[in-house]
C-alpha atoms as a PDB file:
ATOM      1  CA  MET A   1      56.351  53.245 -81.923  1.00  0.00           C
ATOM      2  CA  GLN A   2      54.585  51.363 -84.451  1.00  0.00           C
ATOM      3  CA  PHE A   3      57.247  48.561 -84.418  1.00  0.00           C
ATOM      4  CA  LYS A   4      56.782  48.337 -80.530  1.00  0.00           C
ATOM      5  CA  LYS A   5      53.305  46.814 -80.886  1.00  0.00           C
ATOM      6  CA  LEU A   6      53.996  44.230 -83.447  1.00  0.00           C
ATOM      7  CA  PRO A   7      55.249  41.762 -80.777  1.00  0.00           C
ATOM      8  CA  TRP A   8      51.927  42.011 -78.775  1.00  0.00           C
ATOM      9  CA  VAL A   9      49.856  41.585 -82.073  1.00  0.00           C
ATOM     10  CA  MET A  10      51.878  38.502 -82.889  1.00  0.00           C
ATOM     11  CA  THR A  11      51.386  37.036 -79.386  1.00  0.00           C
ATOM     12  CA  ALA A  12      47.648  37.183 -79.640  1.00  0.00           C
ATOM     13  CA  VAL A  13      47.423  35.600 -83.065  1.00  0.00           C
ATOM     14  CA  LEU A  14      49.690  32.466 -81.849  1.00  0.00           C
ATOM     15  CA  LEU A  15      47.481  32.263 -78.900  1.00  0.00           C
ATOM     16  CA  ALA A  16      44.357  32.270 -80.515  1.00  0.00           C
ATOM     17  CA  ALA A  17      45.715  29.791 -83.223  1.00  0.00           C
ATOM     18  CA  SER A  18      46.862  27.340 -80.162  1.00  0.00           C
ATOM     19  CA  LEU A  19      43.132  27.395 -78.755  1.00  0.00           C
ATOM     20  CA  SER A  20      41.649  26.901 -81.821  1.00  0.00           C
ATOM     21  CA  SER A  21      44.158  23.503 -82.402  1.00  0.00           C
ATOM     22  CA  CYS A  22      43.014  22.248 -78.992  1.00  0.00           C
ATOM     23  CA  ASN A  23      39.382  21.669 -80.068  1.00  0.00           C
ATOM     24  CA  ILE A  24      40.186  20.095 -83.623  1.00  0.00           C
ATOM     25  CA  GLY A  25      39.148  16.766 -83.782  1.00  0.00           C
ATOM     26  CA  LYS A  26      36.562  16.738 -80.821  1.00  0.00           C
ATOM     27  CA  ALA A  27      32.970  15.367 -81.222  1.00  0.00           C
ATOM     28  CA  PRO A  28      30.260  18.137 -81.162  1.00  0.00           C
ATOM     29  CA  GLU A  29      28.295  18.499 -78.157  1.00  0.00           C
ATOM     30  CA  PRO A  30      24.758  16.487 -78.930  1.00  0.00           C
ATOM     31  CA  THR A  31      21.918  18.856 -79.296  1.00  0.00           C
ATOM     32  CA  GLN A  32      19.280  18.517 -76.241  1.00  0.00           C
ATOM     33  CA  ASP A  33      15.679  17.728 -76.951  1.00  0.00           C
ATOM     34  CA  VAL A  34      13.457  20.659 -75.857  1.00  0.00           C
ATOM     35  CA  ASN A  35      10.228  18.200 -75.204  1.00  0.00           C
ATOM     36  CA  ALA A  36      12.329  15.913 -73.162  1.00  0.00           C
ATOM     37  CA  ILE A  37      13.474  18.932 -71.289  1.00  0.00           C
ATOM     38  CA  TYR A  38       9.877  19.941 -70.489  1.00  0.00           C
ATOM     39  CA  THR A  39       8.669  16.452 -69.597  1.00  0.00           C
ATOM     40  CA  ALA A  40      11.651  16.339 -67.173  1.00  0.00           C
ATOM     41  CA  ALA A  41      10.549  19.774 -65.483  1.00  0.00           C
ATOM     42  CA  ALA A  42       6.979  18.600 -65.293  1.00  0.00           C
ATOM     43  CA  GLY A  43       7.758  15.407 -63.479  1.00  0.00           C
ATOM     44  CA  THR A  44       9.945  17.196 -61.067  1.00  0.00           C
ATOM     45  CA  MET A  45       7.107  19.625 -60.413  1.00  0.00           C
ATOM     46  CA  LEU A  46       4.451  17.009 -59.985  1.00  0.00           C
ATOM     47  CA  ALA A  47       6.703  15.067 -57.298  1.00  0.00           C
ATOM     48  CA  GLN A  48       7.410  18.225 -55.540  1.00  0.00           C
ATOM     49  CA  PHE A  49       3.334  18.910 -55.487  1.00  0.00           C
ATOM     50  CA  GLY A  50       2.410  15.367 -54.195  1.00  0.00           C
ATOM     51  CA  ASP A  51       5.327  15.729 -51.598  1.00  0.00           C
ATOM     52  CA  GLN A  52       3.953  18.837 -50.537  1.00  0.00           C
ATOM     53  CA  MET A  53       0.253  17.782 -50.148  1.00  0.00           C
ATOM     54  CA  THR A  54       1.112  14.587 -48.105  1.00  0.00           C
ATOM     55  CA  GLN A  55       3.361  16.984 -45.824  1.00  0.00           C
ATOM     56  CA  THR A  56       0.162  19.141 -45.320  1.00  0.00           C
ATOM     57  CA  ALA A  57      -2.180  16.426 -44.851  1.00  0.00           C
ATOM     58  CA  GLN A  58      -0.038  14.841 -42.022  1.00  0.00           C
ATOM     59  CA  ALA A  59       0.058  18.369 -40.431  1.00  0.00           C
ATOM     60  CA  ILE A  60      -3.863  18.322 -40.394  1.00  0.00           C
ATOM     61  CA  PRO A  61      -5.081  16.576 -37.328  1.00  0.00           C
ATOM     62  CA  PRO A  62      -8.008  13.982 -38.248  1.00  0.00           C
ATOM     63  CA  THR A  63     -11.613  15.357 -37.505  1.00  0.00           C
ATOM     64  CA  PRO A  64     -13.336  12.918 -34.902  1.00  0.00           C
ATOM     65  CA  ALA A  65     -16.442  11.266 -36.339  1.00  0.00           C
ATOM     66  CA  GLU A  66     -19.725  13.006 -34.715  1.00  0.00           C
ATOM     67  CA  SER A  67     -21.605  11.133 -32.329  1.00  0.00           C
ATOM     68  CA  PRO A  68     -25.266   9.998 -33.264  1.00  0.00           C
ATOM     69  CA  THR A  69     -27.879  11.714 -31.798  1.00  0.00           C
ATOM     70  CA  PRO A  70     -29.957   9.501 -29.580  1.00  0.00           C
ATOM     71  CA  LEU A  71     -33.724   8.910 -30.407  1.00  0.00           C
ATOM     72  CA  ALA A  72     -36.310  10.408 -28.088  1.00  0.00           C
ATOM     73  CA  THR A  73     -37.837   8.020 -25.562  1.00  0.00           C
ATOM     74  CA  PHE A  74     -41.780   8.121 -25.807  1.00  0.00           C
ATOM     75  CA  THR A  75     -43.783   7.746 -22.499  1.00  0.00           C
ATOM     76  CA  SER A  76     -46.059   5.243 -22.548  1.00  0.00           C
ATOM     77  CA  LEU A  77     -50.006   6.079 -22.192  1.00  0.00           C
ATOM     78  CA  PRO A  78     -51.450   5.127 -18.941  1.00  0.00           C
ATOM     79  CA  THR A  79     -53.920   1.859 -18.800  1.00  0.00           C
ATOM     80  CA  PHE A  80     -57.128   2.620 -17.443  1.00  0.00           C
ATOM     81  CA  SER A  81     -58.718  -0.643 -15.825  1.00  0.00           C
ATOM     82  CA  VAL A  82     -62.438  -1.619 -16.090  1.00  0.00           C
ATOM     83  CA  ALA A  83     -64.257  -2.212 -12.931  1.00  0.00           C
ATOM     84  CA  PRO A  84     -65.152  -5.792 -12.187  1.00  0.00           C
ATOM     85  CA  GLY A  85     -68.742  -6.548 -13.546  1.00  0.00           C
ATOM     86  CA  THR A  86     -69.030  -4.016 -15.917  1.00  0.00           C
ATOM     87  CA  THR A  87     -69.134  -3.952 -19.868  1.00  0.00           C
ATOM     88  CA  PRO A  88     -66.896  -1.360 -21.581  1.00  0.00           C
ATOM     89  CA  PHE A  89     -68.944   1.130 -23.353  1.00  0.00           C
ATOM     90  CA  GLY A  90     -70.549   0.602 -26.767  1.00  0.00           C
ATOM     91  CA  ALA A  91     -70.180  -3.127 -26.267  1.00  0.00           C
ATOM     92  CA  ALA A  92     -73.163  -5.522 -26.475  1.00  0.00           C
ATOM     93  CA  GLY A  93     -75.149  -5.514 -23.124  1.00  0.00           C
ATOM     94  CA  THR A  94     -73.999  -2.134 -22.232  1.00  0.00           C
ATOM     95  CA  GLN A  95     -75.963  -0.702 -19.398  1.00  0.00           C
ATOM     96  CA  PHE A  96     -76.263   3.143 -18.997  1.00  0.00           C
ATOM     97  CA  VAL A  97     -76.025   4.724 -15.339  1.00  0.00           C
ATOM     98  CA  PHE A  98     -77.634   7.970 -14.372  1.00  0.00           C
ATOM     99  CA  ASN A  99     -75.760  10.611 -12.317  1.00  0.00           C
ATOM    100  CA  THR A 100     -77.343  11.479  -8.821  1.00  0.00           C
ATOM    101  CA  PRO A 101     -77.181  14.882  -7.976  1.00  0.00           C
ATOM    102  CA  ALA A 102     -76.088  14.767  -4.005  1.00  0.00           C
ATOM    103  CA  GLY A 103     -79.102  15.042  -1.843  1.00  0.00           C
ATOM    104  CA  ALA A 104     -81.556  15.037  -4.329  1.00  0.00           C
ATOM    105  CA  GLY A 105     -83.512  11.815  -3.930  1.00  0.00           C
ATOM    106  CA  THR A 106     -82.749   8.048  -4.586  1.00  0.00           C
ATOM    107  CA  PRO A 107     -80.328   7.005  -6.807  1.00  0.00           C
ATOM    108  CA  LEU A 108     -81.221   5.053  -9.932  1.00  0.00           C
ATOM    109  CA  PRO A 109     -80.600   1.354  -9.919  1.00  0.00           C
ATOM    110  CA  THR A 110     -80.201  -0.457 -13.155  1.00  0.00           C
ATOM    111  CA  LEU A 111     -83.426  -0.166 -15.248  1.00  0.00           C
ATOM    112  CA  SER A 112     -85.750  -3.353 -15.753  1.00  0.00           C
ATOM    113  CA  THR A 113     -87.931  -4.442 -18.232  1.00  0.00           C
ATOM    114  CA  GLY A 114     -90.545  -6.435 -16.270  1.00  0.00           C
ATOM    115  CA  GLY A 115     -93.820  -4.651 -15.204  1.00  0.00           C
ATOM    116  CA  SER A 116     -93.617  -2.237 -18.141  1.00  0.00           C
ATOM    117  CA  THR A 117     -94.870  -1.861 -21.464  1.00  0.00           C
ATOM    118  CA  GLY A 118     -94.026  -0.096 -24.636  1.00  0.00           C
ATOM    119  CA  SER A 119     -90.253   1.054 -25.784  1.00  0.00           C
ATOM    120  CA  THR A 120     -87.346   1.716 -23.580  1.00  0.00           C
ATOM    121  CA  SER A 121     -86.484   4.561 -26.011  1.00  0.00           C
ATOM    122  CA  SER A 122     -87.367   8.150 -25.310  1.00  0.00           C
ATOM    123  CA  THR A 123     -90.990   8.840 -24.420  1.00  0.00           C
ATOM    124  CA  ALA A 124     -90.361  12.330 -23.509  1.00  0.00           C
ATOM    125  CA  VAL A 125     -93.067  15.248 -23.627  1.00  0.00           C
ATOM    126  CA  GLY A 126     -91.302  18.410 -23.489  1.00  0.00           C
ATOM    127  CA  CYS A 127     -88.325  18.243 -20.693  1.00  0.00           C
ATOM    128  CA  SER A 128     -90.556  15.368 -18.686  1.00  0.00           C
ATOM    129  CA  ASP A 129     -89.473  11.570 -19.230  1.00  0.00           C
ATOM    130  CA  SER A 130     -89.513   8.736 -17.279  1.00  0.00           C
ATOM    131  CA  ALA A 131     -88.411   4.990 -17.104  1.00  0.00           C
ATOM    132  CA  TYR A 132     -89.867   1.984 -15.042  1.00  0.00           C
ATOM    133  CA  VAL A 133     -87.129   0.714 -12.461  1.00  0.00           C
ATOM    134  CA  THR A 134     -88.959  -2.288 -10.685  1.00  0.00           C
ATOM    135  CA  GLU A 135     -91.702  -3.136  -8.205  1.00  0.00           C
ATOM    136  CA  ALA A 136     -91.437  -2.604  -4.496  1.00  0.00           C
ATOM    137  CA  SER A 137     -91.472  -6.429  -3.056  1.00  0.00           C
ATOM    138  CA  GLY A 138     -91.529  -7.994   0.360  1.00  0.00           C
ATOM    139  CA  SER A 139     -94.208  -7.831   3.149  1.00  0.00           C
ATOM    140  CA  GLY A 140     -97.277  -5.876   2.206  1.00  0.00           C
ATOM    141  CA  PHE A 141     -96.696  -5.685  -1.377  1.00  0.00           C
ATOM    142  CA  THR A 142     -97.985  -7.546  -4.302  1.00  0.00           C
ATOM    143  CA  VAL A 143     -96.017  -8.105  -7.376  1.00  0.00           C
ATOM    144  CA  ASP A 144     -96.821  -9.135 -11.025  1.00  0.00           C
ATOM    145  CA  GLY A 145     -98.270 -12.802 -11.050  1.00  0.00           C
ATOM    146  CA  ASP A 146     -99.366 -13.079  -7.732  1.00  0.00           C
ATOM    147  CA  THR A 147    -102.521 -14.736  -6.655  1.00  0.00           C
ATOM    148  CA  VAL A 148    -104.703 -12.260  -4.837  1.00  0.00           C
ATOM    149  CA  ALA A 149    -108.041 -13.420  -2.817  1.00  0.00           C
ATOM    150  CA  SER A 150    -111.295 -12.075  -3.875  1.00  0.00           C
ATOM    151  CA  ASN A 151    -112.061  -8.787  -2.541  1.00  0.00           C
ATOM    152  CA  LYS A 152    -108.628  -8.353  -0.910  1.00  0.00           C
ATOM    153  CA  LYS A 153    -106.834  -5.048  -0.368  1.00  0.00           C
ATOM    154  CA  PHE A 154    -103.376  -5.137  -1.760  1.00  0.00           C
ATOM    155  CA  SER A 155    -100.521  -2.695  -2.793  1.00  0.00           C
ATOM    156  CA  VAL A 156     -97.928  -2.461  -5.329  1.00  0.00           C
ATOM    157  CA  GLY A 157     -95.001  -0.039  -5.387  1.00  0.00           C
ATOM    158  CA  PHE A 158     -94.121   1.244  -8.662  1.00  0.00           C
ATOM    159  CA  GLN A 159     -90.254   2.481  -8.733  1.00  0.00           C
ATOM    160  CA  MET A 160     -90.058   5.087 -11.535  1.00  0.00           C
ATOM    161  CA  ALA A 161     -87.063   6.862 -12.962  1.00  0.00           C
ATOM    162  CA  ASN A 162     -87.092  10.662 -13.744  1.00  0.00           C
ATOM    163  CA  THR A 163     -84.961  10.438 -16.947  1.00  0.00           C
ATOM    164  CA  GLY A 164     -86.111  13.793 -18.261  1.00  0.00           C
ATOM    165  CA  THR A 165     -84.737  17.344 -17.565  1.00  0.00           C
ATOM    166  CA  CYS A 166     -87.225  18.624 -15.260  1.00  0.00           C
ATOM    167  CA  SER A 167     -88.204  18.025 -11.702  1.00  0.00           C
ATOM    168  CA  TRP A 168     -91.459  16.094 -10.693  1.00  0.00           C
ATOM    169  CA  ASP A 169     -92.457  18.600  -8.515  1.00  0.00           C
ATOM    170  CA  GLN A 170     -95.923  20.058  -7.322  1.00  0.00           C
ATOM    171  CA  GLY A 171     -98.471  19.088 -10.019  1.00  0.00           C
ATOM    172  CA  TYR A 172     -97.025  15.934 -11.403  1.00  0.00           C
ATOM    173  CA  SER A 173     -98.725  12.871 -10.794  1.00  0.00           C
ATOM    174  CA  PHE A 174     -98.709   8.885 -11.096  1.00  0.00           C
ATOM    175  CA  VAL A 175    -101.965   7.807 -12.624  1.00  0.00           C
ATOM    176  CA  PHE A 176    -104.165   5.273 -14.259  1.00  0.00           C
ATOM    177  CA  VAL A 177    -104.548   4.893 -17.880  1.00  0.00           C
ATOM    178  CA  SER A 178    -105.917   1.809 -19.083  1.00  0.00           C
ATOM    179  CA  GLY A 179    -107.149  -1.866 -18.126  1.00  0.00           C
ATOM    180  CA  ASP A 180    -108.502  -2.830 -14.852  1.00  0.00           C
ATOM    181  CA  GLN A 181    -108.139   0.257 -12.068  1.00  0.00           C
ATOM    182  CA  MET A 182    -109.212  -1.964  -9.362  1.00  0.00           C
ATOM    183  CA  ASN A 183    -109.754   1.187  -7.273  1.00  0.00           C
ATOM    184  CA  GLY A 184    -106.346   2.146  -7.641  1.00  0.00           C
ATOM    185  CA  ASN A 185    -105.762   5.664  -6.556  1.00  0.00           C
ATOM    186  CA  ASN A 186    -104.064   8.344  -8.485  1.00  0.00           C
ATOM    187  CA  ILE A 187    -101.084   9.833  -6.774  1.00  0.00           C
ATOM    188  CA  LEU A 188    -100.703  13.495  -7.042  1.00  0.00           C
ATOM    189  CA  ILE A 189     -97.333  15.160  -6.058  1.00  0.00           C
ATOM    190  CA  LYS A 190     -98.366  18.169  -4.051  1.00  0.00           C
ATOM    191  CA  SER A 191     -96.793  21.230  -2.262  1.00  0.00           C
ATOM    192  CA  GLY A 192     -94.215  19.885   0.493  1.00  0.00           C
ATOM    193  CA  ASP A 193     -94.262  16.434  -0.970  1.00  0.00           C
ATOM    194  CA  ARG A 194     -90.428  15.120  -2.149  1.00  0.00           C
ATOM    195  CA  VAL A 195     -89.623  16.416  -5.235  1.00  0.00           C
ATOM    196  CA  THR A 196     -87.889  13.678  -7.676  1.00  0.00           C
ATOM    197  CA  ALA A 197     -85.033  15.573  -9.410  1.00  0.00           C
ATOM    198  CA  PRO A 198     -83.597  14.423 -12.959  1.00  0.00           C
ATOM    199  CA  GLY A 199     -81.513  11.327 -12.620  1.00  0.00           C
ATOM    200  CA  ASN A 200     -83.585  10.141  -9.545  1.00  0.00           C
ATOM    201  CA  SER A 201     -86.317   8.220  -8.896  1.00  0.00           C
ATOM    202  CA  ASN A 202     -89.405   7.925  -6.800  1.00  0.00           C
ATOM    203  CA  THR A 203     -91.505   4.827  -5.638  1.00  0.00           C
ATOM    204  CA  PHE A 204     -95.268   5.409  -6.093  1.00  0.00           C
ATOM    205  CA  ILE A 205     -97.636   3.149  -3.956  1.00  0.00           C
ATOM    206  CA  VAL A 206    -101.027   2.295  -5.388  1.00  0.00           C
ATOM    207  CA  ASN A 207    -103.561   0.919  -3.094  1.00  0.00           C
ATOM    208  CA  PHE A 208    -105.744  -1.859  -4.967  1.00  0.00           C
ATOM    209  CA  GLN A 209    -108.795  -3.802  -4.101  1.00  0.00           C
ATOM    210  CA  ALA A 210    -109.175  -7.134  -5.860  1.00  0.00           C
ATOM    211  CA  PRO A 211    -112.433  -7.650  -8.098  1.00  0.00           C
ATOM    212  CA  ALA A 212    -114.904 -10.275  -6.534  1.00  0.00           C
ATOM    213  CA  ALA A 213    -114.831 -12.446  -9.566  1.00  0.00           C
ATOM    214  CA  SER A 214    -112.108 -15.002 -10.221  1.00  0.00           C
ATOM    215  CA  GLY A 215    -109.861 -14.128 -13.326  1.00  0.00           C
ATOM    216  CA  ASP A 216    -106.659 -12.597 -14.402  1.00  0.00           C
ATOM    217  CA  TYR A 217    -106.482  -8.762 -14.023  1.00  0.00           C
ATOM    218  CA  LYS A 218    -104.167  -6.084 -15.552  1.00  0.00           C
ATOM    219  CA  SER A 219    -104.017  -2.343 -14.731  1.00  0.00           C
ATOM    220  CA  PHE A 220    -101.849   0.060 -16.887  1.00  0.00           C
ATOM    221  CA  TRP A 221    -100.410   3.251 -15.176  1.00  0.00           C
ATOM    222  CA  ARG A 222     -98.421   6.293 -16.454  1.00  0.00           C
ATOM    223  CA  MET A 223     -96.694   9.613 -15.415  1.00  0.00           C
ATOM    224  CA  LYS A 224     -98.552  13.001 -15.953  1.00  0.00           C
ATOM    225  CA  ASP A 225     -96.866  16.523 -15.891  1.00  0.00           C
ATOM    226  CA  ASP A 226     -98.355  19.638 -14.270  1.00  0.00           C
ATOM    227  CA  LYS A 227    -100.247  20.535 -17.590  1.00  0.00           C
ATOM    228  CA  GLY A 228    -101.773  17.180 -17.753  1.00  0.00           C
ATOM    229  CA  ASN A 229     -99.506  15.558 -20.354  1.00  0.00           C
ATOM    230  CA  LEU A 230     -98.984  11.680 -20.175  1.00  0.00           C
ATOM    231  CA  PHE A 231     -95.325  11.044 -20.457  1.00  0.00           C
ATOM    232  CA  GLY A 232     -92.761   8.289 -20.094  1.00  0.00           C
ATOM    233  CA  GLN A 233     -93.114   4.350 -20.096  1.00  0.00           C
ATOM    234  CA  THR A 234     -96.454   2.822 -19.183  1.00  0.00           C
ATOM    235  CA  VAL A 235     -96.193   0.296 -16.410  1.00  0.00           C
ATOM    236  CA  TYR A 236     -98.653  -2.319 -15.203  1.00  0.00           C
ATOM    237  CA  ILE A 237     -99.508  -4.804 -12.476  1.00  0.00           C
ATOM    238  CA  GLN A 238    -101.035  -8.289 -13.434  1.00  0.00           C
ATOM    239  CA  ILE A 239    -102.760 -10.543 -10.840  1.00  0.00           C
ATOM    240  CA  THR A 240    -104.757 -13.668 -10.818  1.00  0.00           C
ATOM    241  CA  VAL A 241    -108.163 -13.428  -8.557  1.00  0.00           C
ATOM    242  CA  LYS A 242    -109.263 -16.910  -6.950  1.00  0.00           C
END
C-alpha cells in the first residue's frame, strides 16, 4: 500500500520544481511608493468632488435679482396767494385789520394818525380802549387846518375805533379834555343809543362855535368809560379864525 502512494508524491515534487524553474531569471516586481498611491487617490477624489459641485450648480436655477423699491412720492404743499395791495404779516408797513362782528356797527377802516395825539400803542383802561380813525369830511363838516369865520358855528365828526374788549354802551362818553373847548358839547351815550361793540367804530359829532378873536385854536377830546375813567387816544381839531 505504501508503494502505491510513491508515484503521486513524485509527481507533485516534479510539478513544483517545474513551476519554480519558470520564474528563475525573471526581474522582481518593483515596490510601489505608498505616498504616490495616496497622492493619486486624493487627486481623484478632488476631481470627482469638483465635477459633482459643477453638476449641482448647473441643476439649481439662478435666483432673479430683486427689483428696487421705488421711492415714495411727496405731495407739494399748496401755495397761498397774497391779496393784491396787501403786505405780508410781519413785514414793514403791515397794517392790522380789526374783525367786525356781524350786525355790530360800522366796520373799522384803516387807522390814521392825523387829528390825534399820543402813541398808537395800547392806551387801555381795564377792558376799554380806543383809537382815532379819521375826521368826517364833506358838506357841513370842518377838518383840521380849515379857516373859520369869527363866531361861526361848525361841526366836527371824530370817528373812533373800539379797540378794547368792552362795548361802548350806556354811560360811556366822548368828552373835552384840554385846549380850547370852543363851546363844544360832550356826547354821552344813553339808553337806546347805538352800542359800539369791540372791533367796530362810531363817529362822534361835536358842535363848536369859533371864538370872536382871530388866531389858531386847538381842542382836545377823549373817550370816557361809565366809571369816569378816560381811556384811548386823545384827538383834536385845529382851526384858524379870521
